[in-house]
């Protein structure tokens, strides 16, 4: 059971965050945009400090034996920092979302109704590894006038601490209450507990006792459970991470949650393709699989129509084999490959597919391959194993593409294009706070507009309802 004094301290911090979020909304668009410009400037001027802090996280991750995929997500190099700066500036340049008129009109009764966009309030984001999410999420919350609670993974604590300092500095410079953003790291968590203690000569021992009493449950987990139970302070919770994190949040949260399931993305290669279509298929599968295999929009399964399998499979094996991709192929696909000639040096990259290889988010250079008899079989496979994230069709038949688009259930459907485009930056949002696979409130990449709700303003002249 959580220490009552700790719970009280956490709730006090959340109450302060909620109160401070109103200051951000009241600050106005000019101050919020100035804050975003200042964040971009500080990211540039503190580039070397960011990389040094990130190097500490990388070194610790390697020491702890984290997988290459997780270390890739953790890394902040010059390219990543440039990307963060570009995202913040793109978000700043977008039109104002708060107060945007979404509808309305004058009713026969004489009342004038206006529907406008307003902030959600406080958005909590829990994410694993990727420290760039700290900046992306904060920028979107600032643009949309929302307070933010940002809880990254412990493996990125050094990176998140310096990025949090940058966010707080930018808010202060621009005259906005810096308490409207709360960055939760192991250090800041202990600071929250310290704030609840009377600073006497026994303070250090009191803190040690508090932490010892929480030894049965990780301190950060205790804090997050309190967050997930605090509907009066937190308006939306967005978990970004693996199935374990999503499951934990859904089991414990009393706060509304928007999430995406694992990114199990498919590419269906249709029978109606010529040489140009074959090139599309190879280029798209290669791009979607190898450019960032740990990304949620990476390709995890290729579905190949039987009529083109003898043409596509050998070329696909050679193309992906050159990039070090292990291919787990269904029995029908293996039989086709065994009957054909192709570069034998790639034979070692082919493995028989097991049943649990389908519907699996590998997050690394592994691709499941299945031969299907028809588009209907492909759609049935996706319906059973997909995660409603991103689905691809490669075809030169307009009718077939329209049928696929109409019948596949996904947040984004790509016709002759890579699923790697399912990204807030690529969609013109600057960044995304997450890619929702749900159907309520928001679906797909979520930008600043998706972090708003609505308010009806009704104007009258002494109007009464008859």
Protein backbone atom coordinates (compact mmCIF):
# COMPACT_ATOMS: atom_id res chain seq x y z
CA UNK A 1 0.00 0.00 0.00
CA UNK A 2 1.27 3.47 -0.85
CA UNK A 3 2.62 5.67 1.95
CA UNK A 4 -0.17 8.22 2.75
CA UNK A 5 2.34 11.08 3.01
CA UNK A 6 3.72 10.22 -0.41
CA UNK A 7 0.22 10.07 -1.90
CA UNK A 8 -0.57 13.47 -0.41
CA UNK A 9 2.60 14.96 -1.91
CA UNK A 10 1.82 13.54 -5.34
CA UNK A 11 -1.73 14.88 -5.29
CA UNK A 12 -0.45 18.30 -4.23
CA UNK A 13 1.92 18.31 -7.21
CA UNK A 14 -0.91 17.32 -9.56
CA UNK A 15 -3.19 20.01 -8.13
CA UNK A 16 -0.46 22.58 -8.74
CA UNK A 17 -0.07 21.32 -12.31
CA UNK A 18 -3.82 21.66 -12.91
CA UNK A 19 -3.91 25.20 -11.51
CA UNK A 20 -0.86 26.19 -13.57
CA UNK A 21 -2.41 24.84 -16.78
CA UNK A 22 -4.96 27.67 -16.70
CA UNK A 23 -2.07 30.16 -16.79
CA UNK A 24 -0.87 28.60 -20.04
CA UNK A 25 -4.31 28.91 -21.64
CA UNK A 26 -4.70 32.52 -20.46
CA UNK A 27 -1.22 33.48 -21.67
CA UNK A 28 -2.50 33.78 -25.23
CA UNK A 29 -1.28 32.60 -28.61
CA UNK A 30 1.53 35.17 -28.89
CA UNK A 31 3.20 34.06 -25.65
CA UNK A 32 2.71 30.37 -26.42
CA UNK A 33 4.27 30.77 -29.87
CA UNK A 34 7.15 32.79 -28.40
CA UNK A 35 7.74 29.91 -25.98
CA UNK A 36 7.95 27.45 -28.86
CA UNK A 37 10.49 29.64 -30.67
CA UNK A 38 12.52 29.88 -27.48
CA UNK A 39 12.47 26.09 -27.05
CA UNK A 40 13.85 25.70 -30.58
CA UNK A 41 16.57 28.26 -29.85
CA UNK A 42 17.57 26.57 -26.59
CA UNK A 43 17.71 23.16 -28.26
CA UNK A 44 20.23 24.62 -30.68
CA UNK A 45 22.32 26.50 -28.11
CA UNK A 46 22.40 23.53 -25.71
CA UNK A 47 22.96 20.89 -28.37
CA UNK A 48 26.26 19.63 -26.91
CA UNK A 49 24.83 19.44 -23.38
CA UNK A 50 21.90 17.41 -24.70
CA UNK A 51 24.24 14.97 -26.45
CA UNK A 52 26.40 14.60 -23.33
CA UNK A 53 23.37 13.82 -21.18
CA UNK A 54 22.10 11.38 -23.79
CA UNK A 55 25.51 9.69 -23.93
CA UNK A 56 25.15 8.88 -20.22
CA UNK A 57 21.80 7.21 -20.93
CA UNK A 58 23.23 5.29 -23.90
CA UNK A 59 26.21 4.06 -21.87
CA UNK A 60 23.96 2.88 -19.05
CA UNK A 61 21.59 1.20 -21.52
CA UNK A 62 24.49 -0.70 -23.09
CA UNK A 63 25.75 -1.68 -19.65
CA UNK A 64 22.27 -2.95 -18.77
CA UNK A 65 22.11 -5.02 -21.95
CA UNK A 66 19.25 -3.18 -23.65
CA UNK A 67 18.51 -4.41 -27.16
CA UNK A 68 19.86 -2.50 -30.18
CA UNK A 69 16.27 -1.55 -31.07
CA UNK A 70 15.72 0.11 -27.68
CA UNK A 71 19.08 1.86 -27.81
CA UNK A 72 18.17 3.18 -31.26
CA UNK A 73 14.98 4.69 -29.79
CA UNK A 74 16.99 6.23 -26.98
CA UNK A 75 19.62 7.98 -29.08
CA UNK A 76 19.69 11.77 -29.50
CA UNK A 77 22.25 12.65 -32.17
CA UNK A 78 22.51 15.80 -34.29
CA UNK A 79 19.95 14.47 -36.74
CA UNK A 80 17.43 13.86 -33.95
CA UNK A 81 18.06 17.27 -32.41
CA UNK A 82 17.63 18.92 -35.83
CA UNK A 83 14.37 17.03 -36.20
CA UNK A 84 13.14 18.21 -32.78
CA UNK A 85 13.95 21.82 -33.65
CA UNK A 86 12.18 21.55 -37.01
CA UNK A 87 9.11 19.98 -35.39
CA UNK A 88 8.84 22.70 -32.75
CA UNK A 89 9.12 25.45 -35.37
CA UNK A 90 6.56 23.77 -37.61
CA UNK A 91 4.13 23.53 -34.70
CA UNK A 92 4.74 27.19 -33.85
CA UNK A 93 3.98 28.23 -37.45
CA UNK A 94 0.60 26.49 -37.48
CA UNK A 95 -2.58 28.51 -37.13
CA UNK A 96 -4.00 28.99 -33.65
CA UNK A 97 -6.20 26.12 -32.54
CA UNK A 98 -7.59 27.60 -29.32
CA UNK A 99 -10.71 29.63 -30.01
CA UNK A 100 -11.06 28.30 -33.55
CA UNK A 101 -14.69 28.58 -34.62
CA UNK A 102 -15.94 25.12 -35.56
CA UNK A 103 -19.58 25.88 -36.28
CA UNK A 104 -22.72 27.57 -35.10
CA UNK A 105 -25.32 30.03 -36.32
CA UNK A 106 -28.47 31.92 -35.38
CA UNK A 107 -31.41 29.79 -34.32
CA UNK A 108 -35.11 30.62 -34.90
CA UNK A 109 -35.31 31.53 -31.21
CA UNK A 110 -32.85 34.35 -31.84
CA UNK A 111 -29.94 32.89 -29.91
CA UNK A 112 -26.55 32.97 -31.64
CA UNK A 113 -24.54 29.78 -31.10
CA UNK A 114 -20.79 29.52 -31.67
CA UNK A 115 -18.87 26.27 -31.25
CA UNK A 116 -15.19 26.87 -30.45
CA UNK A 117 -12.12 24.76 -29.68
CA UNK A 118 -10.74 24.85 -26.13
CA UNK A 119 -7.91 22.96 -24.39
CA UNK A 120 -8.56 19.58 -22.81
CA UNK A 121 -6.84 20.75 -19.60
CA UNK A 122 -3.93 18.58 -18.47
CA UNK A 123 -2.59 15.81 -20.70
CA UNK A 124 -0.39 13.10 -19.19
CA UNK A 125 1.89 11.21 -21.56
CA UNK A 126 3.73 8.05 -20.51
CA UNK A 127 6.35 6.86 -22.96
CA UNK A 128 9.27 4.49 -23.21
CA UNK A 129 12.80 5.24 -24.35
CA UNK A 130 12.34 7.99 -26.95
CA UNK A 131 13.43 11.25 -25.25
CA UNK A 132 12.47 13.26 -28.36
CA UNK A 133 8.85 12.62 -27.32
CA UNK A 134 9.50 14.96 -24.37
CA UNK A 135 9.90 17.89 -26.76
CA UNK A 136 7.26 16.82 -29.30
CA UNK A 137 4.60 16.25 -26.65
CA UNK A 138 5.39 19.43 -24.74
CA UNK A 139 5.33 21.53 -27.92
CA UNK A 140 1.92 20.18 -28.92
CA UNK A 141 0.55 20.77 -25.42
CA UNK A 142 1.89 24.32 -25.32
CA UNK A 143 0.42 25.08 -28.76
CA UNK A 144 -2.97 23.72 -27.70
CA UNK A 145 -2.92 25.43 -24.29
CA UNK A 146 -2.78 22.22 -22.27
CA UNK A 147 -0.77 21.54 -19.17
CA UNK A 148 1.44 18.48 -19.56
CA UNK A 149 2.70 15.70 -17.34
CA UNK A 150 5.54 13.92 -19.14
CA UNK A 151 6.83 10.62 -17.83
CA UNK A 152 9.57 9.07 -19.93
CA UNK A 153 11.37 5.81 -19.35
CA UNK A 154 13.99 5.57 -16.60
CA UNK A 155 16.53 4.63 -19.28
CA UNK A 156 16.24 8.21 -20.65
CA UNK A 157 16.35 10.04 -17.31
CA UNK A 158 19.47 12.16 -18.02
CA UNK A 159 18.15 13.20 -21.43
CA UNK A 160 14.69 14.01 -20.10
CA UNK A 161 16.08 16.07 -17.23
CA UNK A 162 17.97 18.43 -19.52
CA UNK A 163 15.07 18.62 -21.99
CA UNK A 164 12.75 19.37 -19.07
CA UNK A 165 15.07 22.16 -17.94
CA UNK A 166 14.93 23.62 -21.46
CA UNK A 167 11.12 23.57 -21.45
CA UNK A 168 10.94 25.26 -18.04
CA UNK A 169 13.48 27.90 -19.04
CA UNK A 170 11.58 28.74 -22.23
CA UNK A 171 8.29 29.10 -20.34
CA UNK A 172 9.89 31.38 -17.74
CA UNK A 173 11.63 33.55 -20.35
CA UNK A 174 8.29 34.10 -22.08
CA UNK A 175 6.43 34.96 -18.88
CA UNK A 176 4.40 31.76 -18.57
CA UNK A 177 4.12 29.78 -15.35
CA UNK A 178 6.72 27.03 -15.75
CA UNK A 179 4.72 24.77 -13.43
CA UNK A 180 2.28 24.08 -16.29
CA UNK A 181 4.64 21.29 -17.35
CA UNK A 182 5.70 18.53 -14.97
CA UNK A 183 8.54 16.25 -16.07
CA UNK A 184 8.62 13.06 -14.01
CA UNK A 185 12.09 11.56 -13.62
CA UNK A 186 13.54 9.63 -10.67
CA UNK A 187 15.08 12.89 -9.45
CA UNK A 188 11.91 14.98 -9.77
CA UNK A 189 9.90 12.21 -8.11
CA UNK A 190 12.09 12.41 -5.02
CA UNK A 191 11.81 16.21 -5.10
CA UNK A 192 8.02 15.84 -4.95
CA UNK A 193 8.33 13.70 -1.83
CA UNK A 194 10.79 16.11 -0.25
CA UNK A 195 8.30 18.94 -0.72
CA UNK A 196 5.88 17.19 1.64
CA UNK A 197 8.36 16.96 4.52
CA UNK A 198 9.10 19.48 7.26
CA UNK A 199 12.71 20.48 6.84
CA UNK A 200 14.02 19.53 10.26
CA UNK A 201 17.18 17.70 11.17
CA UNK A 202 15.23 14.46 10.66
CA UNK A 203 14.14 15.29 7.09
CA UNK A 204 16.69 13.03 5.43
CA UNK A 205 15.68 10.12 7.65
CA UNK A 206 11.97 10.85 7.02
CA UNK A 207 12.56 10.69 3.28
CA UNK A 208 14.55 7.49 3.60
CA UNK A 209 11.73 5.96 5.65
CA UNK A 210 9.15 7.01 3.05
CA UNK A 211 11.14 5.45 0.24
CA UNK A 212 11.73 2.29 2.27
CA UNK A 213 7.99 1.94 2.92
CA UNK A 214 7.41 2.10 -0.83
CA UNK A 215 10.06 -0.55 -1.48
CA UNK A 216 7.39 -3.13 -2.35
CA UNK A 217 6.30 -0.98 -5.26
CA UNK A 218 8.53 1.06 -7.47
CA UNK A 219 8.30 4.74 -6.54
CA UNK A 220 7.61 5.87 -10.10
CA UNK A 221 4.93 3.23 -10.49
CA UNK A 222 3.32 4.47 -7.28
CA UNK A 223 3.28 7.99 -8.67
CA UNK A 224 1.80 6.89 -11.98
CA UNK A 225 -0.96 4.92 -10.26
CA UNK A 226 -1.86 8.09 -8.35
CA UNK A 227 -1.84 9.99 -11.66
CA UNK A 228 -4.10 7.39 -13.26
CA UNK A 229 -6.58 7.72 -10.39
CA UNK A 230 -6.67 11.54 -10.41
CA UNK A 231 -9.54 12.42 -12.72
CA UNK A 232 -9.90 15.81 -11.03
CA UNK A 233 -6.37 16.82 -12.07
CA UNK A 234 -5.66 14.86 -15.27
CA UNK A 235 -8.01 15.14 -18.27
CA UNK A 236 -6.38 12.69 -20.69
CA UNK A 237 -3.75 9.99 -20.45
CA UNK A 238 -1.76 8.87 -23.50
CA UNK A 239 0.55 5.86 -23.12
CA UNK A 240 3.18 5.43 -25.84
CA UNK A 241 5.00 2.14 -25.63
CA UNK A 242 4.75 -1.62 -25.79
CA UNK A 243 1.85 -3.88 -24.96
CA UNK A 244 2.98 -4.22 -21.34
CA UNK A 245 2.69 -0.48 -20.76
CA UNK A 246 -0.66 -0.25 -22.55
CA UNK A 247 -2.02 -3.19 -20.53
CA UNK A 248 -0.85 -1.67 -17.25
CA UNK A 249 -2.47 1.69 -18.03
CA UNK A 250 -5.78 0.20 -19.18
CA UNK A 251 -5.97 -1.95 -16.05
CA UNK A 252 -5.30 0.90 -13.62
CA UNK A 253 -6.45 4.18 -15.15
CA UNK A 254 -9.62 5.96 -14.12
CA UNK A 255 -8.58 8.86 -16.37
CA UNK A 256 -9.75 8.72 -20.03
CA UNK A 257 -7.09 7.02 -22.16
CA UNK A 258 -6.16 7.31 -25.83
CA UNK A 259 -3.68 4.70 -27.00
CA UNK A 260 -2.51 2.67 -29.93
CA UNK A 261 -2.06 -1.04 -30.00
CA UNK A 262 1.19 -2.49 -31.27
CA UNK A 263 2.08 -1.43 -34.79
CA UNK A 264 1.47 -4.68 -36.67
CA UNK A 265 1.55 -3.22 -40.19
CA UNK A 266 0.88 -5.28 -43.34
CA UNK A 267 1.64 -4.79 -47.02
CA UNK A 268 -0.67 -6.62 -49.42
CA UNK A 269 0.94 -7.12 -52.84
CA UNK A 270 -1.92 -7.57 -55.29
CA UNK A 271 -1.99 -9.68 -58.46
CA UNK A 272 -2.62 -6.61 -60.65
CA UNK A 273 0.93 -5.31 -60.97
CA UNK A 274 3.36 -5.07 -63.87
CA UNK A 275 7.11 -4.34 -63.77
CA UNK A 276 6.45 -0.87 -62.38
CA UNK A 277 4.21 -2.34 -59.71
CA UNK A 278 6.84 -4.93 -58.84
CA UNK A 279 9.33 -2.12 -58.29
CA UNK A 280 6.79 -0.35 -56.09
CA UNK A 281 6.40 -3.52 -54.04
CA UNK A 282 10.13 -4.03 -53.52
CA UNK A 283 10.88 -0.38 -52.78
CA UNK A 284 7.97 0.01 -50.38
CA UNK A 285 8.63 -3.21 -48.47
CA UNK A 286 12.30 -2.34 -48.13
CA UNK A 287 11.59 1.20 -46.95
CA UNK A 288 8.82 0.19 -44.56
CA UNK A 289 10.93 -2.55 -42.98
CA UNK A 290 14.50 -1.33 -42.76
CA UNK A 291 14.52 2.47 -42.37
CA UNK A 292 13.48 2.24 -38.71
CA UNK A 293 12.46 -1.29 -37.79
CA UNK A 294 11.67 -0.33 -34.20
CA UNK A 295 9.10 2.29 -35.24
CA UNK A 296 5.39 1.58 -34.75
CA UNK A 297 4.78 2.26 -38.46
CA UNK A 298 7.38 -0.26 -39.65
CA UNK A 299 6.26 -3.18 -41.81
CA UNK A 300 5.85 -6.49 -39.96
CA UNK A 301 4.12 -8.74 -42.51
CA UNK A 302 3.96 -8.97 -46.32
CA UNK A 303 0.93 -10.67 -47.88
CA UNK A 304 1.68 -11.72 -51.46
CA UNK A 305 -1.00 -12.78 -53.94
CA UNK A 306 -0.31 -16.30 -55.20
CA UNK A 307 -0.46 -15.24 -58.87
CA UNK A 308 2.59 -12.96 -58.47
CA UNK A 309 4.39 -14.86 -55.71
CA UNK A 310 6.81 -16.62 -58.08
CA UNK A 311 7.92 -13.22 -59.38
CA UNK A 312 7.88 -11.24 -56.16
CA UNK A 313 9.25 -13.66 -53.56
CA UNK A 314 12.75 -14.26 -55.01
CA UNK A 315 13.27 -10.53 -55.60
CA UNK A 316 11.92 -9.69 -52.16
CA UNK A 317 14.21 -12.23 -50.49
CA UNK A 318 17.26 -10.85 -52.29
CA UNK A 319 16.34 -7.20 -51.65
CA UNK A 320 15.64 -7.65 -47.95
CA UNK A 321 18.40 -10.22 -47.46
CA UNK A 322 20.95 -7.64 -48.56
CA UNK A 323 19.72 -5.47 -45.69
CA UNK A 324 20.01 -8.29 -43.17
CA UNK A 325 16.29 -8.94 -42.79
CA UNK A 326 15.26 -12.37 -41.50
CA UNK A 327 12.15 -13.56 -43.37
CA UNK A 328 9.72 -15.97 -41.73
CA UNK A 329 7.81 -17.47 -44.63
CA UNK A 330 4.61 -19.54 -44.68
CA UNK A 331 4.69 -23.13 -46.00
CA UNK A 332 3.21 -22.17 -49.35
CA UNK A 333 5.83 -19.46 -49.78
CA UNK A 334 8.63 -21.85 -48.86
CA UNK A 335 7.44 -24.33 -51.49
CA UNK A 336 7.41 -21.61 -54.15
CA UNK A 337 10.91 -20.45 -53.21
CA UNK A 338 12.29 -24.00 -53.23
CA UNK A 339 11.09 -24.44 -56.80
CA UNK A 340 12.78 -21.25 -58.03
CA UNK A 341 16.30 -20.08 -58.66
CA UNK A 342 17.54 -17.10 -56.69
CA UNK A 343 20.76 -15.95 -55.08
CA UNK A 344 21.57 -18.83 -52.71
CA UNK A 345 23.56 -16.62 -50.33
CA UNK A 346 20.24 -15.31 -49.02
CA UNK A 347 18.90 -18.76 -48.18
CA UNK A 348 20.06 -18.40 -44.57
CA UNK A 349 17.74 -15.40 -44.16
CA UNK A 350 14.67 -17.59 -44.77
CA UNK A 351 13.00 -19.36 -41.84
CA UNK A 352 9.71 -21.28 -41.66
CA UNK A 353 7.00 -19.08 -40.18
CA UNK A 354 5.37 -20.16 -36.94
CA UNK A 355 1.78 -19.32 -36.12
CA UNK A 356 2.75 -16.68 -33.57
CA UNK A 357 4.89 -14.86 -36.15
CA UNK A 358 1.66 -13.46 -37.57
CA UNK A 359 0.20 -10.61 -35.54
CA UNK A 360 3.58 -9.94 -33.95
CA UNK A 361 5.33 -6.58 -33.71
CA UNK A 362 8.95 -7.64 -34.18
CA UNK A 363 10.48 -4.19 -33.81
CA UNK A 364 13.64 -5.41 -35.53
CA UNK A 365 14.86 -6.74 -38.88
CA UNK A 366 12.38 -9.61 -39.09
CA UNK A 367 9.48 -9.85 -41.54
CA UNK A 368 6.68 -12.40 -41.73
CA UNK A 369 5.62 -13.38 -45.27
CA UNK A 370 2.42 -15.15 -46.26
CA UNK A 371 1.07 -16.14 -49.69
CA UNK A 372 -2.67 -15.49 -50.07
CA UNK A 373 -5.16 -16.61 -52.69
CA UNK A 374 -7.16 -13.39 -52.91
CA UNK A 375 -7.65 -9.88 -51.60
CA UNK A 376 -10.43 -11.27 -49.42
CA UNK A 377 -7.97 -13.63 -47.73
CA UNK A 378 -5.55 -10.74 -47.25
CA UNK A 379 -8.27 -8.61 -45.64
CA UNK A 380 -9.34 -11.51 -43.41
CA UNK A 381 -5.73 -12.00 -42.29
CA UNK A 382 -5.37 -8.29 -41.48
CA UNK A 383 -8.69 -8.28 -39.61
CA UNK A 384 -7.45 -11.19 -37.47
CA UNK A 385 -3.84 -10.18 -36.90
CA UNK A 386 -3.64 -6.44 -37.54
CA UNK A 387 -3.57 -3.72 -34.88
CA UNK A 388 -5.59 -1.11 -36.83
CA UNK A 389 -2.49 1.05 -37.19
CA UNK A 390 -1.20 1.21 -40.79
CA UNK A 391 -1.99 -1.02 -43.76
CA UNK A 392 -0.55 -0.95 -47.29
CA UNK A 393 -1.85 -2.14 -50.65
CA UNK A 394 0.38 -2.30 -53.71
CA UNK A 395 -1.70 -2.56 -56.87
CA UNK A 396 -2.23 -0.90 -60.23
CA UNK A 397 -5.95 -1.55 -60.18
CA UNK A 398 -8.00 1.44 -59.06
CA UNK A 399 -10.99 -0.79 -58.35
CA UNK A 400 -8.92 -3.12 -56.15
CA UNK A 401 -7.34 -0.25 -54.24
CA UNK A 402 -10.75 1.29 -53.58
CA UNK A 403 -12.07 -2.07 -52.36
CA UNK A 404 -9.11 -2.47 -50.00
CA UNK A 405 -9.41 1.07 -48.63
CA UNK A 406 -13.14 0.62 -48.03
CA UNK A 407 -12.79 -2.73 -46.25
CA UNK A 408 -9.61 -2.55 -44.18
CA UNK A 409 -9.88 -1.23 -40.61
CA UNK A 410 -6.89 1.00 -39.86
CA UNK A 411 -6.05 4.51 -38.73
CA UNK A 412 -4.24 5.05 -42.04
CA UNK A 413 -4.29 3.16 -45.35
CA UNK A 414 -1.49 3.55 -47.89
CA UNK A 415 -2.02 2.92 -51.59
CA UNK A 416 1.33 2.36 -53.30
CA UNK A 417 3.14 4.17 -50.49
CA UNK A 418 5.15 3.20 -47.42
CA UNK A 419 3.55 2.95 -43.98
CA UNK A 420 6.51 4.95 -42.68
CA UNK A 421 4.57 8.05 -43.76
CA UNK A 422 2.13 7.51 -40.86
CA UNK A 423 3.74 10.22 -38.80
CA UNK A 424 2.64 13.59 -37.49
CA UNK A 425 5.53 15.38 -39.17
CA UNK A 426 4.84 13.77 -42.54
CA UNK A 427 1.12 14.56 -42.20
CA UNK A 428 1.87 18.25 -41.63
CA UNK A 429 1.15 18.22 -37.89
CA UNK A 430 4.72 19.14 -36.91
CA UNK A 431 4.82 16.11 -34.63
CA UNK A 432 2.35 13.75 -33.07
CA UNK A 433 1.57 13.10 -29.44
CA UNK A 434 0.68 9.56 -30.43
CA UNK A 435 -0.95 7.55 -33.20
CA UNK A 436 -4.39 6.56 -32.01
CA UNK A 437 -5.90 3.31 -33.25
CA UNK A 438 -9.15 4.08 -31.45
CA UNK A 439 -12.26 5.53 -33.03
CA UNK A 440 -13.43 7.97 -30.35
CA UNK A 441 -12.14 11.56 -30.11
CA UNK A 442 -9.12 11.08 -32.38
CA UNK A 443 -7.68 8.50 -34.77
CA UNK A 444 -4.32 8.38 -36.49
CA UNK A 445 -1.47 10.83 -35.77
CA UNK A 446 -2.62 13.31 -33.12
CA UNK A 447 -1.54 16.93 -33.49
CA UNK A 448 -2.40 20.09 -31.58
CA UNK A 449 -6.00 20.18 -32.85
CA UNK A 450 -6.58 16.69 -31.48
CA UNK A 451 -5.69 17.94 -27.99
CA UNK A 452 -8.73 20.19 -27.89
CA UNK A 453 -12.36 19.74 -27.01
CA UNK A 454 -15.28 22.06 -27.70
CA UNK A 455 -17.28 24.73 -25.94
CA UNK A 456 -20.60 26.18 -27.08
CA UNK A 457 -21.01 29.93 -26.61
CA UNK A 458 -24.66 31.01 -26.70
CA UNK A 459 -25.46 34.73 -27.03
CA UNK A 460 -28.91 36.19 -26.61
CA UNK A 461 -30.78 39.39 -25.88
CA UNK A 462 -32.62 38.52 -22.71
CA UNK A 463 -33.59 35.32 -24.50
CA UNK A 464 -35.75 32.76 -22.71
CA UNK A 465 -36.97 29.38 -23.90
CA UNK A 466 -40.70 29.22 -24.53
